[in-house]
Amino acid sequence: MGQSRRGGRGVAVWGGSALLIGGLGVWGAWRSGDPGAAAAGAAIALSVAVVMTAVRYGWAAPPVPRRGLTPQAGDLAQLGYLALHDGVTELANRALFLDRVGHALTRSNRTRTTIGVLYLDLDGLTEVTRRLGSAAGEELLVEVASRLAAAVRQGDTVGRLGGDEFAILAEDVNVHELVAVTNRILTRLSVPAVISGDQVSMGATAGLALGHPGGPGAHELMASARAATYEAKATGGEWYRLVDVGPAGA
């Protein structure tokens, strides 16, 4: 299979995730006495692998296949999908986003290109939830996800890391392109939204980390972007702050 040639560690993570969930399907079916346990587990593993591949390459994530599965196996397949995506926005979740950053860094080392991670801290979610309720808060999150998806370049990855934190991964990008994407995103998020019939103000602060071949890994790059976000917030007047994370020793 073609993907086996890409970064070995990442492939191991992918395969491990699929096999783990597939194994859980087999184990659960065996415990319930289902004679189709092996087939169910294989279908679940395939479902997870397909979804991870789709999100990694920016394709529309396919629906979780349920035809031919027992109700129990179909439920486990759905759990496999949810393990990789945010339950409110259906964006990549933190684990899947980090996996994609890791693969992007591997490609960056091979192609000698830079990548960008944009970390967003959303303003106003707590107030909307307090004033209008949790359903309105979720409606706001879905609206933000839609605006982010419309603002990024084709092939960029959008993820929700949890709470009011989102992130964007841009591959083969220079600093000017990364700043342009950031300004486009922040401009879109500054437009008020109608949530549960009320007009609410939106906004966000961003931290940008530009990663280079031979530079720090995915966790370090994400940490740099997050730190830049809160440095920008601390000034009280910045939309974003950029940090250039060069190779070790540079």
Protein backbone atom coordinates (compact mmCIF):
# COMPACT_ATOMS: atom_id res chain seq x y z
CA MET A 1 0.00 0.00 0.00
CA GLY A 2 1.39 3.40 -1.04
CA GLN A 3 1.06 5.07 2.36
CA SER A 4 3.43 2.57 3.95
CA ARG A 5 6.32 4.45 2.32
CA ARG A 6 5.57 7.62 4.28
CA GLY A 7 7.07 8.46 7.71
CA GLY A 8 7.39 5.17 9.57
CA ARG A 9 6.44 6.51 12.98
CA GLY A 10 3.27 8.10 11.66
CA VAL A 11 2.26 4.96 9.81
CA ALA A 12 2.74 3.04 13.03
CA VAL A 13 0.43 5.47 14.81
CA TRP A 14 -2.18 5.14 12.07
CA GLY A 15 -1.94 1.39 11.96
CA GLY A 16 -1.89 1.15 15.72
CA SER A 17 -5.03 3.25 16.03
CA ALA A 18 -6.87 1.19 13.44
CA LEU A 19 -5.74 -2.12 14.89
CA LEU A 20 -6.56 -1.04 18.43
CA ILE A 21 -10.11 -0.06 17.51
CA GLY A 22 -10.49 -3.10 15.29
CA GLY A 23 -9.25 -5.26 18.14
CA LEU A 24 -11.76 -3.67 20.47
CA GLY A 25 -14.45 -4.57 17.95
CA VAL A 26 -13.32 -8.18 17.86
CA TRP A 27 -13.06 -8.39 21.63
CA GLY A 28 -16.48 -6.81 22.16
CA ALA A 29 -18.10 -9.08 19.59
CA TRP A 30 -16.42 -12.15 21.11
CA ARG A 31 -17.68 -11.18 24.54
CA SER A 32 -21.22 -10.92 23.17
CA GLY A 33 -20.98 -14.22 21.29
CA ASP A 34 -21.16 -12.63 17.82
CA PRO A 35 -19.87 -15.16 15.25
CA GLY A 36 -18.88 -12.34 12.86
CA ALA A 37 -16.36 -10.87 15.29
CA ALA A 38 -13.33 -11.01 13.01
CA ALA A 39 -15.17 -9.42 10.07
CA ALA A 40 -16.61 -6.71 12.28
CA GLY A 41 -13.20 -5.88 13.72
CA ALA A 42 -11.66 -5.71 10.25
CA ALA A 43 -14.45 -3.42 9.03
CA ILE A 44 -13.94 -1.10 12.00
CA ALA A 45 -10.19 -0.98 11.43
CA LEU A 46 -10.76 -0.16 7.75
CA SER A 47 -13.27 2.54 8.69
CA VAL A 48 -10.74 4.23 10.97
CA ALA A 49 -7.96 4.01 8.38
CA VAL A 50 -10.18 5.55 5.66
CA VAL A 51 -11.27 8.41 7.91
CA MET A 52 -7.69 9.19 9.02
CA THR A 53 -6.48 9.19 5.42
CA ALA A 54 -9.32 11.48 4.34
CA VAL A 55 -8.68 14.05 7.05
CA ARG A 56 -4.91 13.90 6.54
CA TYR A 57 -5.19 14.85 2.89
CA GLY A 58 -7.99 17.39 3.36
CA TRP A 59 -10.69 15.33 1.66
CA ALA A 60 -14.26 15.42 2.89
CA ALA A 61 -14.46 12.78 5.58
CA PRO A 62 -16.65 9.91 4.37
CA PRO A 63 -19.55 8.62 6.43
CA VAL A 64 -18.74 5.68 8.63
CA PRO A 65 -19.78 2.55 6.67
CA ARG A 66 -22.44 0.53 8.48
CA ARG A 67 -23.79 -1.79 5.75
CA GLY A 68 -23.04 -5.41 6.53
CA LEU A 69 -22.14 -4.69 10.16
CA THR A 70 -24.07 -5.90 13.16
CA PRO A 71 -25.62 -3.07 15.21
CA GLN A 72 -22.89 -3.54 17.81
CA ALA A 73 -20.10 -3.39 15.21
CA GLY A 74 -21.69 -0.32 13.58
CA ASP A 75 -21.71 1.44 16.92
CA LEU A 76 -18.03 0.61 17.42
CA ALA A 77 -17.21 1.93 13.95
CA GLN A 78 -18.92 5.19 14.88
CA LEU A 79 -16.86 5.30 18.06
CA GLY A 80 -13.75 4.90 15.93
CA TYR A 81 -14.73 7.96 13.90
CA LEU A 82 -15.50 9.97 17.01
CA ALA A 83 -12.11 9.05 18.47
CA LEU A 84 -10.49 11.08 15.69
CA HIS A 85 -12.89 14.02 15.37
CA ASP A 86 -14.39 16.71 17.55
CA GLY A 87 -17.91 15.72 18.52
CA VAL A 88 -19.41 19.19 18.01
CA THR A 89 -17.74 20.52 14.85
CA GLU A 90 -16.54 17.23 13.27
CA LEU A 91 -13.15 18.84 12.70
CA ALA A 92 -9.97 16.89 13.39
CA ASN A 93 -9.46 16.60 17.14
CA ARG A 94 -6.22 17.24 19.02
CA ALA A 95 -4.80 13.73 18.54
CA LEU A 96 -5.47 13.65 14.80
CA PHE A 97 -4.28 17.24 14.32
CA LEU A 98 -0.98 16.47 16.04
CA ASP A 99 -0.59 13.37 13.89
CA ARG A 100 -1.02 15.48 10.76
CA VAL A 101 1.51 18.05 12.00
CA GLY A 102 3.98 15.22 12.54
CA HIS A 103 3.50 13.93 8.99
CA ALA A 104 3.77 17.49 7.64
CA LEU A 105 7.14 17.88 9.39
CA THR A 106 8.33 14.61 7.87
CA ARG A 107 7.43 15.87 4.39
CA SER A 108 8.99 19.24 5.22
CA ASN A 109 12.30 17.54 6.00
CA ARG A 110 12.17 15.69 2.69
CA THR A 111 11.05 18.60 0.47
CA ARG A 112 12.95 21.32 2.37
CA THR A 113 9.83 23.45 2.72
CA THR A 114 8.38 25.26 5.73
CA ILE A 115 5.06 24.64 7.44
CA GLY A 116 2.87 26.88 9.57
CA VAL A 117 0.75 26.16 12.62
CA LEU A 118 -1.86 28.75 13.55
CA TYR A 119 -3.26 28.48 17.08
CA LEU A 120 -6.56 30.30 17.74
CA ASP A 121 -8.09 31.28 21.05
CA LEU A 122 -11.75 32.17 20.47
CA ASP A 123 -13.30 35.15 22.25
CA GLY A 124 -16.87 35.17 23.50
CA LEU A 125 -17.68 31.45 23.80
CA THR A 126 -17.92 31.51 27.59
CA GLU A 127 -20.20 34.55 27.55
CA VAL A 128 -22.49 33.06 24.88
CA THR A 129 -22.77 29.79 26.81
CA ARG A 130 -23.46 31.61 30.08
CA ARG A 131 -26.06 33.92 28.58
CA LEU A 132 -27.78 31.70 26.01
CA GLY A 133 -27.01 28.18 27.14
CA SER A 134 -24.80 25.27 26.09
CA ALA A 135 -26.74 24.62 22.86
CA ALA A 136 -25.99 28.18 21.74
CA GLY A 137 -22.34 27.66 22.63
CA GLU A 138 -22.23 24.62 20.37
CA GLU A 139 -23.98 26.57 17.61
CA LEU A 140 -21.25 29.21 17.88
CA LEU A 141 -18.53 26.55 17.64
CA VAL A 142 -20.11 25.14 14.47
CA GLU A 143 -20.29 28.65 12.98
CA VAL A 144 -16.60 29.22 13.78
CA ALA A 145 -15.66 25.88 12.19
CA SER A 146 -17.56 26.84 9.03
CA ARG A 147 -15.83 30.22 8.80
CA LEU A 148 -12.41 28.68 9.32
CA ALA A 149 -13.00 26.08 6.63
CA ALA A 150 -14.00 28.85 4.21
CA ALA A 151 -10.93 30.97 5.00
CA VAL A 152 -8.07 28.46 4.72
CA ARG A 153 -6.33 27.29 1.57
CA GLN A 154 -7.28 24.05 -0.14
CA GLY A 155 -5.43 21.23 1.59
CA ASP A 156 -4.93 23.05 4.90
CA THR A 157 -6.09 21.21 8.02
CA VAL A 158 -8.51 22.78 10.51
CA GLY A 159 -8.84 21.24 13.96
CA ARG A 160 -10.58 21.92 17.23
CA LEU A 161 -8.29 21.23 20.14
CA GLY A 162 -10.98 21.55 22.80
CA GLY A 163 -12.89 24.30 24.57
CA ASP A 164 -12.43 27.56 22.67
CA GLU A 165 -9.15 26.55 21.02
CA PHE A 166 -8.77 25.82 17.29
CA ALA A 167 -5.73 25.25 15.10
CA ILE A 168 -4.83 25.34 11.42
CA LEU A 169 -1.98 23.50 9.73
CA ALA A 170 -0.63 24.99 6.49
CA GLU A 171 2.00 23.04 4.54
CA ASP A 172 4.52 24.41 2.02
CA VAL A 173 3.85 27.96 3.19
CA ASN A 174 6.05 31.02 3.61
CA VAL A 175 5.66 33.68 6.26
CA HIS A 176 3.76 36.06 3.96
CA GLU A 177 1.22 33.38 3.00
CA LEU A 178 0.78 32.36 6.64
CA VAL A 179 0.12 35.96 7.69
CA ALA A 180 -2.33 36.38 4.80
CA VAL A 181 -4.29 33.28 5.89
CA THR A 182 -4.27 34.54 9.48
CA ASN A 183 -5.61 37.97 8.53
CA ARG A 184 -8.33 36.37 6.41
CA ILE A 185 -9.38 34.13 9.29
CA LEU A 186 -9.38 36.87 11.91
CA THR A 187 -11.32 39.22 9.63
CA ARG A 188 -14.02 36.58 9.09
CA LEU A 189 -14.22 35.86 12.82
CA SER A 190 -14.61 39.55 13.66
CA VAL A 191 -18.02 39.67 11.94
CA PRO A 192 -20.87 39.18 14.47
CA ALA A 193 -22.94 35.99 14.21
CA VAL A 194 -26.60 35.31 14.83
CA ILE A 195 -26.77 32.57 17.46
CA SER A 196 -30.09 31.31 18.81
CA GLY A 197 -31.75 34.40 17.37
CA ASP A 198 -29.34 36.82 19.06
CA GLN A 199 -26.51 38.74 17.42
CA VAL A 200 -23.27 37.96 19.24
CA SER A 201 -19.81 39.41 18.84
CA MET A 202 -17.02 37.08 17.79
CA GLY A 203 -13.29 37.36 17.61
CA ALA A 204 -10.06 35.51 18.26
CA THR A 205 -6.39 35.92 18.99
CA ALA A 206 -3.84 33.88 17.05
CA GLY A 207 -0.35 32.58 17.55
CA LEU A 208 1.65 31.59 14.47
CA ALA A 209 4.60 29.21 14.46
CA LEU A 210 6.65 28.74 11.31
CA GLY A 211 8.44 25.39 11.28
CA HIS A 212 11.56 24.60 9.24
CA PRO A 213 13.21 21.38 8.02
CA GLY A 214 15.22 19.90 10.86
CA GLY A 215 13.33 21.99 13.40
CA PRO A 216 11.40 20.95 16.52
CA GLY A 217 8.72 18.27 16.48
CA ALA A 218 4.93 18.54 16.40
CA HIS A 219 4.43 19.06 20.15
CA GLU A 220 7.11 21.74 20.33
CA LEU A 221 5.72 23.56 17.29
CA MET A 222 2.22 23.51 18.76
CA ALA A 223 3.54 24.75 22.11
CA SER A 224 5.32 27.64 20.38
CA ALA A 225 2.14 28.66 18.54
CA ARG A 226 0.09 28.45 21.75
CA ALA A 227 2.63 30.54 23.68
CA ALA A 228 2.57 33.16 20.91
CA THR A 229 -1.23 33.32 21.19
CA TYR A 230 -1.17 34.13 24.87
CA GLU A 231 1.68 36.61 24.44
CA ALA A 232 -0.52 38.42 21.91
CA LYS A 233 -3.51 38.32 24.28
CA ALA A 234 -1.37 39.72 27.10
CA THR A 235 -0.67 42.89 25.12
CA GLY A 236 -4.39 43.58 24.85
CA GLY A 237 -4.05 45.02 21.37
CA GLU A 238 -2.62 42.38 19.03
CA TRP A 239 -4.62 40.14 16.69
CA TYR A 240 -1.72 37.74 16.37
CA ARG A 241 1.94 37.14 17.10
CA LEU A 242 4.39 35.21 14.91
CA VAL A 243 7.31 33.09 16.05
CA ASP A 244 9.84 31.59 13.64
CA VAL A 245 10.85 28.18 15.04
CA GLY A 246 14.13 27.42 13.28
CA PRO A 247 16.22 24.24 13.28
CA ALA A 248 18.02 23.25 16.47
CA GLY A 249 21.23 25.20 16.86
CA ALA A 250 20.23 27.77 14.22
